[in-house]
Amino acid sequence: LPPEDNLNSSPKLDTQRQQKAREYGRIERRFTY
């Protein structure tokens, strides 16, 4: 899990986790099919 952001800051979308999210989704869908 990404480290806790400073609650007073504006977090950015994590590009590394987005890549992993797409990988995770593809594998899950493959097994579902």
PDB file of all heavy atoms in Angstrom:
ATOM      1  N   LEU A   1       0.839  -1.187   0.000  1.00  0.00           N
ATOM      2  CA  LEU A   1       0.000   0.000   0.000  1.00  0.00           C
ATOM      3  C   LEU A   1       0.877   1.240   0.000  1.00  0.00           C
ATOM      4  O   LEU A   1       1.897   1.285   0.680  1.00  0.00           O
ATOM      5  CB  LEU A   1      -0.887  -0.019   1.250  1.00  0.00           C
ATOM      6  CG  LEU A   1      -1.972   1.056   1.384  1.00  0.00           C
ATOM      7  CD1 LEU A   1      -3.040   0.839   0.327  1.00  0.00           C
ATOM      8  CD2 LEU A   1      -2.585   0.998   2.772  1.00  0.00           C
ATOM      9  N   PRO A   2       0.495   2.279  -0.768  1.00  0.00           N
ATOM     10  CA  PRO A   2       1.321   3.487  -0.789  1.00  0.00           C
ATOM     11  C   PRO A   2       1.370   4.130   0.583  1.00  0.00           C
ATOM     12  O   PRO A   2       0.435   4.015   1.365  1.00  0.00           O
ATOM     13  CB  PRO A   2       0.587   4.389  -1.803  1.00  0.00           C
ATOM     14  CG  PRO A   2      -0.809   3.907  -1.805  1.00  0.00           C
ATOM     15  CD  PRO A   2      -0.714   2.423  -1.579  1.00  0.00           C
ATOM     16  N   PRO A   3       2.462   4.807   0.897  1.00  0.00           N
ATOM     17  CA  PRO A   3       2.567   5.441   2.210  1.00  0.00           C
ATOM     18  C   PRO A   3       1.498   6.505   2.390  1.00  0.00           C
ATOM     19  O   PRO A   3       0.986   7.073   1.424  1.00  0.00           O
ATOM     20  CB  PRO A   3       3.968   6.057   2.189  1.00  0.00           C
ATOM     21  CG  PRO A   3       4.291   6.230   0.750  1.00  0.00           C
ATOM     22  CD  PRO A   3       3.633   5.083   0.046  1.00  0.00           C
ATOM     23  N   GLU A   4       1.143   6.740   3.636  1.00  0.00           N
ATOM     24  CA  GLU A   4       0.118   7.718   3.952  1.00  0.00           C
ATOM     25  C   GLU A   4       0.556   9.098   3.496  1.00  0.00           C
ATOM     26  O   GLU A   4       1.655   9.552   3.781  1.00  0.00           O
ATOM     27  CB  GLU A   4      -0.090   7.715   5.464  1.00  0.00           C
ATOM     28  CG  GLU A   4      -1.505   8.036   5.874  1.00  0.00           C
ATOM     29  CD  GLU A   4      -1.697   7.823   7.363  1.00  0.00           C
ATOM     30  OE1 GLU A   4      -1.379   6.730   7.825  1.00  0.00           O
ATOM     31  OE2 GLU A   4      -2.138   8.768   8.023  1.00  0.00           O
ATOM     32  N   ASP A   5      -0.333   9.776   2.756  1.00  0.00           N
ATOM     33  CA  ASP A   5      -0.020  11.128   2.312  1.00  0.00           C
ATOM     34  C   ASP A   5      -0.222  12.108   3.464  1.00  0.00           C
ATOM     35  O   ASP A   5      -0.998  11.877   4.386  1.00  0.00           O
ATOM     36  CB  ASP A   5      -0.943  11.518   1.150  1.00  0.00           C
ATOM     37  CG  ASP A   5      -0.679  10.708  -0.095  1.00  0.00           C
ATOM     38  OD1 ASP A   5       0.437  10.783  -0.610  1.00  0.00           O
ATOM     39  OD2 ASP A   5      -1.599   9.999  -0.542  1.00  0.00           O
ATOM     40  N   ASN A   6       0.456  13.218   3.387  1.00  0.00           N
ATOM     41  CA  ASN A   6       0.192  14.303   4.319  1.00  0.00           C
ATOM     42  C   ASN A   6      -1.238  14.789   4.090  1.00  0.00           C
ATOM     43  O   ASN A   6      -1.616  15.137   2.972  1.00  0.00           O
ATOM     44  CB  ASN A   6       1.189  15.441   4.062  1.00  0.00           C
ATOM     45  CG  ASN A   6       1.067  16.541   5.094  1.00  0.00           C
ATOM     46  OD1 ASN A   6      -0.005  16.818   5.609  1.00  0.00           O
ATOM     47  ND2 ASN A   6       2.195  17.176   5.380  1.00  0.00           N
ATOM     48  N   LEU A   7      -2.053  14.784   5.158  1.00  0.00           N
ATOM     49  CA  LEU A   7      -3.470  15.121   4.986  1.00  0.00           C
ATOM     50  C   LEU A   7      -3.672  16.565   4.554  1.00  0.00           C
ATOM     51  O   LEU A   7      -4.755  16.927   4.116  1.00  0.00           O
ATOM     52  CB  LEU A   7      -4.226  14.835   6.284  1.00  0.00           C
ATOM     53  CG  LEU A   7      -4.266  13.365   6.714  1.00  0.00           C
ATOM     54  CD1 LEU A   7      -5.123  13.198   7.957  1.00  0.00           C
ATOM     55  CD2 LEU A   7      -4.794  12.494   5.585  1.00  0.00           C
ATOM     56  N   ASN A   8      -2.669  17.384   4.700  1.00  0.00           N
ATOM     57  CA  ASN A   8      -2.780  18.773   4.261  1.00  0.00           C
ATOM     58  C   ASN A   8      -2.298  18.981   2.830  1.00  0.00           C
ATOM     59  O   ASN A   8      -2.340  20.083   2.310  1.00  0.00           O
ATOM     60  CB  ASN A   8      -1.981  19.679   5.201  1.00  0.00           C
ATOM     61  CG  ASN A   8      -2.538  19.675   6.624  1.00  0.00           C
ATOM     62  OD1 ASN A   8      -3.754  19.708   6.796  1.00  0.00           O
ATOM     63  ND2 ASN A   8      -1.658  19.627   7.611  1.00  0.00           N
ATOM     64  N   SER A   9      -1.809  17.896   2.185  1.00  0.00           N
ATOM     65  CA  SER A   9      -1.304  18.015   0.821  1.00  0.00           C
ATOM     66  C   SER A   9      -2.337  17.496  -0.165  1.00  0.00           C
ATOM     67  O   SER A   9      -3.354  16.919   0.212  1.00  0.00           O
ATOM     68  CB  SER A   9      -0.005  17.220   0.676  1.00  0.00           C
ATOM     69  OG  SER A   9      -0.266  15.829   0.810  1.00  0.00           O
ATOM     70  N   SER A  10      -2.088  17.705  -1.441  1.00  0.00           N
ATOM     71  CA  SER A  10      -2.971  17.210  -2.495  1.00  0.00           C
ATOM     72  C   SER A  10      -2.321  15.998  -3.147  1.00  0.00           C
ATOM     73  O   SER A  10      -1.344  16.141  -3.892  1.00  0.00           O
ATOM     74  CB  SER A  10      -3.214  18.303  -3.548  1.00  0.00           C
ATOM     75  OG  SER A  10      -3.878  19.403  -2.986  1.00  0.00           O
ATOM     76  N   PRO A  11      -2.834  14.805  -2.879  1.00  0.00           N
ATOM     77  CA  PRO A  11      -2.211  13.603  -3.442  1.00  0.00           C
ATOM     78  C   PRO A  11      -2.387  13.554  -4.958  1.00  0.00           C
ATOM     79  O   PRO A  11      -3.348  14.087  -5.505  1.00  0.00           O
ATOM     80  CB  PRO A  11      -2.978  12.459  -2.762  1.00  0.00           C
ATOM     81  CG  PRO A  11      -4.303  13.047  -2.421  1.00  0.00           C
ATOM     82  CD  PRO A  11      -4.035  14.486  -2.082  1.00  0.00           C
ATOM     83  N   LYS A  12      -1.434  12.925  -5.623  1.00  0.00           N
ATOM     84  CA  LYS A  12      -1.491  12.745  -7.066  1.00  0.00           C
ATOM     85  C   LYS A  12      -1.842  11.297  -7.378  1.00  0.00           C
ATOM     86  O   LYS A  12      -1.568  10.390  -6.583  1.00  0.00           O
ATOM     87  CB  LYS A  12      -0.140  13.085  -7.701  1.00  0.00           C
ATOM     88  CG  LYS A  12       0.361  14.492  -7.389  1.00  0.00           C
ATOM     89  CD  LYS A  12      -0.576  15.566  -7.919  1.00  0.00           C
ATOM     90  CE  LYS A  12      -0.007  16.962  -7.649  1.00  0.00           C
ATOM     91  NZ  LYS A  12      -0.930  18.030  -8.106  1.00  0.00           N
ATOM     92  N   LEU A  13      -2.439  11.096  -8.536  1.00  0.00           N
ATOM     93  CA  LEU A  13      -2.754   9.740  -8.964  1.00  0.00           C
ATOM     94  C   LEU A  13      -1.447   8.979  -9.155  1.00  0.00           C
ATOM     95  O   LEU A  13      -0.555   9.419  -9.871  1.00  0.00           O
ATOM     96  CB  LEU A  13      -3.548   9.775 -10.269  1.00  0.00           C
ATOM     97  CG  LEU A  13      -4.204   8.462 -10.695  1.00  0.00           C
ATOM     98  CD1 LEU A  13      -5.262   8.020  -9.686  1.00  0.00           C
ATOM     99  CD2 LEU A  13      -4.849   8.619 -12.072  1.00  0.00           C
ATOM    100  N   ASP A  14      -1.328   7.837  -8.500  1.00  0.00           N
ATOM    101  CA  ASP A  14      -0.100   7.045  -8.502  1.00  0.00           C
ATOM    102  C   ASP A  14      -0.010   6.251  -9.812  1.00  0.00           C
ATOM    103  O   ASP A  14      -0.774   5.308 -10.026  1.00  0.00           O
ATOM    104  CB  ASP A  14      -0.114   6.100  -7.300  1.00  0.00           C
ATOM    105  CG  ASP A  14       1.227   5.422  -7.067  1.00  0.00           C
ATOM    106  OD1 ASP A  14       1.862   5.016  -8.059  1.00  0.00           O
ATOM    107  OD2 ASP A  14       1.627   5.269  -5.894  1.00  0.00           O
ATOM    108  N   THR A  15       0.906   6.636 -10.691  1.00  0.00           N
ATOM    109  CA  THR A  15       1.010   5.980 -12.001  1.00  0.00           C
ATOM    110  C   THR A  15       1.452   4.525 -11.879  1.00  0.00           C
ATOM    111  O   THR A  15       1.018   3.671 -12.662  1.00  0.00           O
ATOM    112  CB  THR A  15       1.990   6.750 -12.902  1.00  0.00           C
ATOM    113  OG1 THR A  15       3.254   6.866 -12.234  1.00  0.00           O
ATOM    114  CG2 THR A  15       1.444   8.124 -13.222  1.00  0.00           C
ATOM    115  N   GLN A  16       2.298   4.224 -10.905  1.00  0.00           N
ATOM    116  CA  GLN A  16       2.742   2.845 -10.717  1.00  0.00           C
ATOM    117  C   GLN A  16       1.571   1.962 -10.296  1.00  0.00           C
ATOM    118  O   GLN A  16       1.388   0.852 -10.814  1.00  0.00           O
ATOM    119  CB  GLN A  16       3.850   2.764  -9.665  1.00  0.00           C
ATOM    120  CG  GLN A  16       4.349   1.325  -9.446  1.00  0.00           C
ATOM    121  CD  GLN A  16       5.293   1.200  -8.265  1.00  0.00           C
ATOM    122  OE1 GLN A  16       5.436   2.124  -7.479  1.00  0.00           O
ATOM    123  NE2 GLN A  16       5.920   0.052  -8.136  1.00  0.00           N
ATOM    124  N   ARG A  17       0.755   2.474  -9.375  1.00  0.00           N
ATOM    125  CA  ARG A  17      -0.399   1.680  -8.945  1.00  0.00           C
ATOM    126  C   ARG A  17      -1.441   1.557 -10.044  1.00  0.00           C
ATOM    127  O   ARG A  17      -2.169   0.560 -10.117  1.00  0.00           O
ATOM    128  CB  ARG A  17      -1.007   2.284  -7.669  1.00  0.00           C
ATOM    129  CG  ARG A  17      -0.127   2.070  -6.451  1.00  0.00           C
ATOM    130  CD  ARG A  17      -0.783   2.568  -5.180  1.00  0.00           C
ATOM    131  NE  ARG A  17      -1.935   1.771  -4.785  1.00  0.00           N
ATOM    132  CZ  ARG A  17      -1.855   0.598  -4.148  1.00  0.00           C
ATOM    133  NH1 ARG A  17      -0.678   0.063  -3.864  1.00  0.00           N
ATOM    134  NH2 ARG A  17      -2.949  -0.038  -3.807  1.00  0.00           N
ATOM    135  N   GLN A  18      -1.520   2.565 -10.914  1.00  0.00           N
ATOM    136  CA  GLN A  18      -2.436   2.443 -12.045  1.00  0.00           C
ATOM    137  C   GLN A  18      -2.010   1.320 -12.981  1.00  0.00           C
ATOM    138  O   GLN A  18      -2.840   0.562 -13.495  1.00  0.00           O
ATOM    139  CB  GLN A  18      -2.517   3.768 -12.801  1.00  0.00           C
ATOM    140  CG  GLN A  18      -3.477   4.769 -12.176  1.00  0.00           C
ATOM    141  CD  GLN A  18      -4.870   4.213 -12.046  1.00  0.00           C
ATOM    142  OE1 GLN A  18      -5.549   3.950 -13.042  1.00  0.00           O
ATOM    143  NE2 GLN A  18      -5.328   4.019 -10.822  1.00  0.00           N
ATOM    144  N   GLN A  19      -0.716   1.204 -13.212  1.00  0.00           N
ATOM    145  CA  GLN A  19      -0.226   0.096 -14.042  1.00  0.00           C
ATOM    146  C   GLN A  19      -0.555  -1.241 -13.392  1.00  0.00           C
ATOM    147  O   GLN A  19      -1.008  -2.180 -14.066  1.00  0.00           O
ATOM    148  CB  GLN A  19       1.290   0.226 -14.230  1.00  0.00           C
ATOM    149  CG  GLN A  19       1.887  -0.903 -15.074  1.00  0.00           C
ATOM    150  CD  GLN A  19       3.401  -0.797 -15.173  1.00  0.00           C
ATOM    151  OE1 GLN A  19       4.001   0.196 -14.773  1.00  0.00           O
ATOM    152  NE2 GLN A  19       4.033  -1.837 -15.708  1.00  0.00           N
ATOM    153  N   LYS A  20      -0.347  -1.336 -12.081  1.00  0.00           N
ATOM    154  CA  LYS A  20      -0.659  -2.570 -11.378  1.00  0.00           C
ATOM    155  C   LYS A  20      -2.159  -2.839 -11.364  1.00  0.00           C
ATOM    156  O   LYS A  20      -2.591  -3.990 -11.450  1.00  0.00           O
ATOM    157  CB  LYS A  20      -0.128  -2.511  -9.941  1.00  0.00           C
ATOM    158  CG  LYS A  20       1.380  -2.301  -9.844  1.00  0.00           C
ATOM    159  CD  LYS A  20       2.145  -3.341 -10.631  1.00  0.00           C
ATOM    160  CE  LYS A  20       3.647  -3.108 -10.544  1.00  0.00           C
ATOM    161  NZ  LYS A  20       4.411  -4.043 -11.378  1.00  0.00           N
ATOM    162  N   ALA A  21      -2.972  -1.783 -11.249  1.00  0.00           N
ATOM    163  CA  ALA A  21      -4.429  -1.953 -11.255  1.00  0.00           C
ATOM    164  C   ALA A  21      -4.890  -2.553 -12.581  1.00  0.00           C
ATOM    165  O   ALA A  21      -5.769  -3.431 -12.610  1.00  0.00           O
ATOM    166  CB  ALA A  21      -5.119  -0.612 -11.017  1.00  0.00           C
ATOM    167  N   ARG A  22      -4.311  -2.078 -13.692  1.00  0.00           N
ATOM    168  CA  ARG A  22      -4.681  -2.627 -15.004  1.00  0.00           C
ATOM    169  C   ARG A  22      -4.239  -4.085 -15.123  1.00  0.00           C
ATOM    170  O   ARG A  22      -4.973  -4.925 -15.670  1.00  0.00           O
ATOM    171  CB  ARG A  22      -4.077  -1.767 -16.108  1.00  0.00           C
ATOM    172  CG  ARG A  22      -4.745  -0.391 -16.235  1.00  0.00           C
ATOM    173  CD  ARG A  22      -4.262   0.344 -17.475  1.00  0.00           C
ATOM    174  NE  ARG A  22      -2.881   0.803 -17.323  1.00  0.00           N
ATOM    175  CZ  ARG A  22      -2.537   1.975 -16.806  1.00  0.00           C
ATOM    176  NH1 ARG A  22      -3.448   2.813 -16.361  1.00  0.00           N
ATOM    177  NH2 ARG A  22      -1.260   2.336 -16.725  1.00  0.00           N
ATOM    178  N   GLU A  23      -3.033  -4.388 -14.629  1.00  0.00           N
ATOM    179  CA  GLU A  23      -2.561  -5.785 -14.655  1.00  0.00           C
ATOM    180  C   GLU A  23      -3.473  -6.679 -13.828  1.00  0.00           C
ATOM    181  O   GLU A  23      -3.887  -7.765 -14.269  1.00  0.00           O
ATOM    182  CB  GLU A  23      -1.134  -5.861 -14.100  1.00  0.00           C
ATOM    183  CG  GLU A  23      -0.077  -5.233 -14.979  1.00  0.00           C
ATOM    184  CD  GLU A  23       1.298  -5.268 -14.308  1.00  0.00           C
ATOM    185  OE1 GLU A  23       1.399  -5.861 -13.203  1.00  0.00           O
ATOM    186  OE2 GLU A  23       2.257  -4.714 -14.872  1.00  0.00           O
ATOM    187  N   TYR A  24      -3.778  -6.227 -12.628  1.00  0.00           N
ATOM    188  CA  TYR A  24      -4.622  -6.986 -11.710  1.00  0.00           C
ATOM    189  C   TYR A  24      -5.987  -7.241 -12.343  1.00  0.00           C
ATOM    190  O   TYR A  24      -6.522  -8.360 -12.305  1.00  0.00           O
ATOM    191  CB  TYR A  24      -4.749  -6.190 -10.407  1.00  0.00           C
ATOM    192  CG  TYR A  24      -5.409  -6.910  -9.264  1.00  0.00           C
ATOM    193  CD1 TYR A  24      -5.482  -8.291  -9.203  1.00  0.00           C
ATOM    194  CD2 TYR A  24      -5.953  -6.182  -8.197  1.00  0.00           C
ATOM    195  CE1 TYR A  24      -6.071  -8.933  -8.130  1.00  0.00           C
ATOM    196  CE2 TYR A  24      -6.536  -6.820  -7.120  1.00  0.00           C
ATOM    197  CZ  TYR A  24      -6.595  -8.193  -7.094  1.00  0.00           C
ATOM    198  OH  TYR A  24      -7.185  -8.821  -6.030  1.00  0.00           O
ATOM    199  N   GLY A  25      -6.569  -6.197 -12.931  1.00  0.00           N
ATOM    200  CA  GLY A  25      -7.877  -6.339 -13.557  1.00  0.00           C
ATOM    201  C   GLY A  25      -7.865  -7.324 -14.717  1.00  0.00           C
ATOM    202  O   GLY A  25      -8.785  -8.128 -14.877  1.00  0.00           O
ATOM    203  N   ARG A  26      -6.798  -7.259 -15.539  1.00  0.00           N
ATOM    204  CA  ARG A  26      -6.712  -8.180 -16.683  1.00  0.00           C
ATOM    205  C   ARG A  26      -6.626  -9.628 -16.220  1.00  0.00           C
ATOM    206  O   ARG A  26      -7.287 -10.516 -16.779  1.00  0.00           O
ATOM    207  CB  ARG A  26      -5.494  -7.826 -17.547  1.00  0.00           C
ATOM    208  CG  ARG A  26      -5.699  -6.647 -18.476  1.00  0.00           C
ATOM    209  CD  ARG A  26      -4.636  -6.619 -19.568  1.00  0.00           C
ATOM    210  NE  ARG A  26      -3.301  -6.496 -19.009  1.00  0.00           N
ATOM    211  CZ  ARG A  26      -2.692  -5.326 -18.790  1.00  0.00           C
ATOM    212  NH1 ARG A  26      -3.311  -4.192 -19.061  1.00  0.00           N
ATOM    213  NH2 ARG A  26      -1.458  -5.292 -18.303  1.00  0.00           N
ATOM    214  N   ILE A  27      -5.815  -9.888 -15.198  1.00  0.00           N
ATOM    215  CA  ILE A  27      -5.662 -11.262 -14.715  1.00  0.00           C
ATOM    216  C   ILE A  27      -6.973 -11.767 -14.113  1.00  0.00           C
ATOM    217  O   ILE A  27      -7.397 -12.900 -14.367  1.00  0.00           O
ATOM    218  CB  ILE A  27      -4.517 -11.346 -13.678  1.00  0.00           C
ATOM    219  CG1 ILE A  27      -3.191 -10.984 -14.331  1.00  0.00           C
ATOM    220  CG2 ILE A  27      -4.433 -12.748 -13.083  1.00  0.00           C
ATOM    221  CD1 ILE A  27      -2.047 -10.819 -13.338  1.00  0.00           C
ATOM    222  N   GLU A  28      -7.624 -10.908 -13.313  1.00  0.00           N
ATOM    223  CA  GLU A  28      -8.906 -11.312 -12.720  1.00  0.00           C
ATOM    224  C   GLU A  28      -9.937 -11.632 -13.794  1.00  0.00           C
ATOM    225  O   GLU A  28     -10.654 -12.641 -13.697  1.00  0.00           O
ATOM    226  CB  GLU A  28      -9.436 -10.199 -11.821  1.00  0.00           C
ATOM    227  CG  GLU A  28      -8.865 -10.189 -10.423  1.00  0.00           C
ATOM    228  CD  GLU A  28      -9.691  -9.328  -9.488  1.00  0.00           C
ATOM    229  OE1 GLU A  28     -10.007  -8.184  -9.867  1.00  0.00           O
ATOM    230  OE2 GLU A  28     -10.024  -9.787  -8.394  1.00  0.00           O
ATOM    231  N   ARG A  29     -10.020 -10.782 -14.811  1.00  0.00           N
ATOM    232  CA  ARG A  29     -10.999 -11.023 -15.879  1.00  0.00           C
ATOM    233  C   ARG A  29     -10.670 -12.302 -16.644  1.00  0.00           C
ATOM    234  O   ARG A  29     -11.575 -13.054 -17.028  1.00  0.00           O
ATOM    235  CB  ARG A  29     -11.049  -9.819 -16.825  1.00  0.00           C
ATOM    236  CG  ARG A  29     -11.708  -8.593 -16.215  1.00  0.00           C
ATOM    237  CD  ARG A  29     -11.965  -7.517 -17.243  1.00  0.00           C
ATOM    238  NE  ARG A  29     -10.745  -6.915 -17.742  1.00  0.00           N
ATOM    239  CZ  ARG A  29     -10.134  -5.879 -17.164  1.00  0.00           C
ATOM    240  NH1 ARG A  29     -10.603  -5.371 -16.044  1.00  0.00           N
ATOM    241  NH2 ARG A  29      -9.050  -5.358 -17.701  1.00  0.00           N
ATOM    242  N   ARG A  30      -9.385 -12.554 -16.848  1.00  0.00           N
ATOM    243  CA  ARG A  30      -8.986 -13.767 -17.562  1.00  0.00           C
ATOM    244  C   ARG A  30      -9.471 -15.012 -16.814  1.00  0.00           C
ATOM    245  O   ARG A  30     -10.027 -15.934 -17.417  1.00  0.00           O
ATOM    246  CB  ARG A  30      -7.469 -13.781 -17.723  1.00  0.00           C
ATOM    247  CG  ARG A  30      -6.947 -14.878 -18.640  1.00  0.00           C
ATOM    248  CD  ARG A  30      -5.431 -14.790 -18.725  1.00  0.00           C
ATOM    249  NE  ARG A  30      -4.986 -13.452 -19.097  1.00  0.00           N
ATOM    250  CZ  ARG A  30      -3.846 -12.915 -18.721  1.00  0.00           C
ATOM    251  NH1 ARG A  30      -3.034 -13.591 -17.926  1.00  0.00           N
ATOM    252  NH2 ARG A  30      -3.507 -11.710 -19.124  1.00  0.00           N
ATOM    253  N   PHE A  31      -9.270 -15.025 -15.517  1.00  0.00           N
ATOM    254  CA  PHE A  31      -9.723 -16.171 -14.726  1.00  0.00           C
ATOM    255  C   PHE A  31     -11.249 -16.243 -14.674  1.00  0.00           C
ATOM    256  O   PHE A  31     -11.820 -17.340 -14.632  1.00  0.00           O
ATOM    257  CB  PHE A  31      -9.137 -16.107 -13.313  1.00  0.00           C
ATOM    258  CG  PHE A  31      -7.774 -16.733 -13.214  1.00  0.00           C
ATOM    259  CD1 PHE A  31      -6.638 -16.020 -13.579  1.00  0.00           C
ATOM    260  CD2 PHE A  31      -7.623 -18.036 -12.789  1.00  0.00           C
ATOM    261  CE1 PHE A  31      -5.375 -16.587 -13.498  1.00  0.00           C
ATOM    262  CE2 PHE A  31      -6.359 -18.624 -12.709  1.00  0.00           C
ATOM    263  CZ  PHE A  31      -5.241 -17.898 -13.067  1.00  0.00           C
ATOM    264  N   THR A  32     -11.907 -15.107 -14.674  1.00  0.00           N
ATOM    265  CA  THR A  32     -13.371 -15.097 -14.706  1.00  0.00           C
ATOM    266  C   THR A  32     -13.886 -15.723 -15.993  1.00  0.00           C
ATOM    267  O   THR A  32     -14.844 -16.516 -15.983  1.00  0.00           O
ATOM    268  CB  THR A  32     -13.907 -13.663 -14.570  1.00  0.00           C
ATOM    269  OG1 THR A  32     -13.483 -13.119 -13.318  1.00  0.00           O
ATOM    270  CG2 THR A  32     -15.429 -13.636 -14.638  1.00  0.00           C
ATOM    271  N   TYR A  33     -13.258 -15.395 -17.134  1.00  0.00           N
ATOM    272  CA  TYR A  33     -13.675 -15.960 -18.414  1.00  0.00           C
ATOM    273  C   TYR A  33     -13.456 -17.473 -18.440  1.00  0.00           C
ATOM    274  O   TYR A  33     -14.310 -18.227 -18.924  1.00  0.00           O
ATOM    275  CB  TYR A  33     -12.910 -15.308 -19.563  1.00  0.00           C
ATOM    276  CG  TYR A  33     -13.089 -13.814 -19.681  1.00  0.00           C
ATOM    277  CD1 TYR A  33     -12.075 -12.998 -20.194  1.00  0.00           C
ATOM    278  CD2 TYR A  33     -14.263 -13.198 -19.265  1.00  0.00           C
ATOM    279  CE1 TYR A  33     -12.232 -11.629 -20.289  1.00  0.00           C
ATOM    280  CE2 TYR A  33     -14.425 -11.831 -19.360  1.00  0.00           C
ATOM    281  CZ  TYR A  33     -13.405 -11.056 -19.871  1.00  0.00           C
ATOM    282  OH  TYR A  33     -13.557  -9.698 -19.964  1.00  0.00           O
TER     283      TYR A  33
END
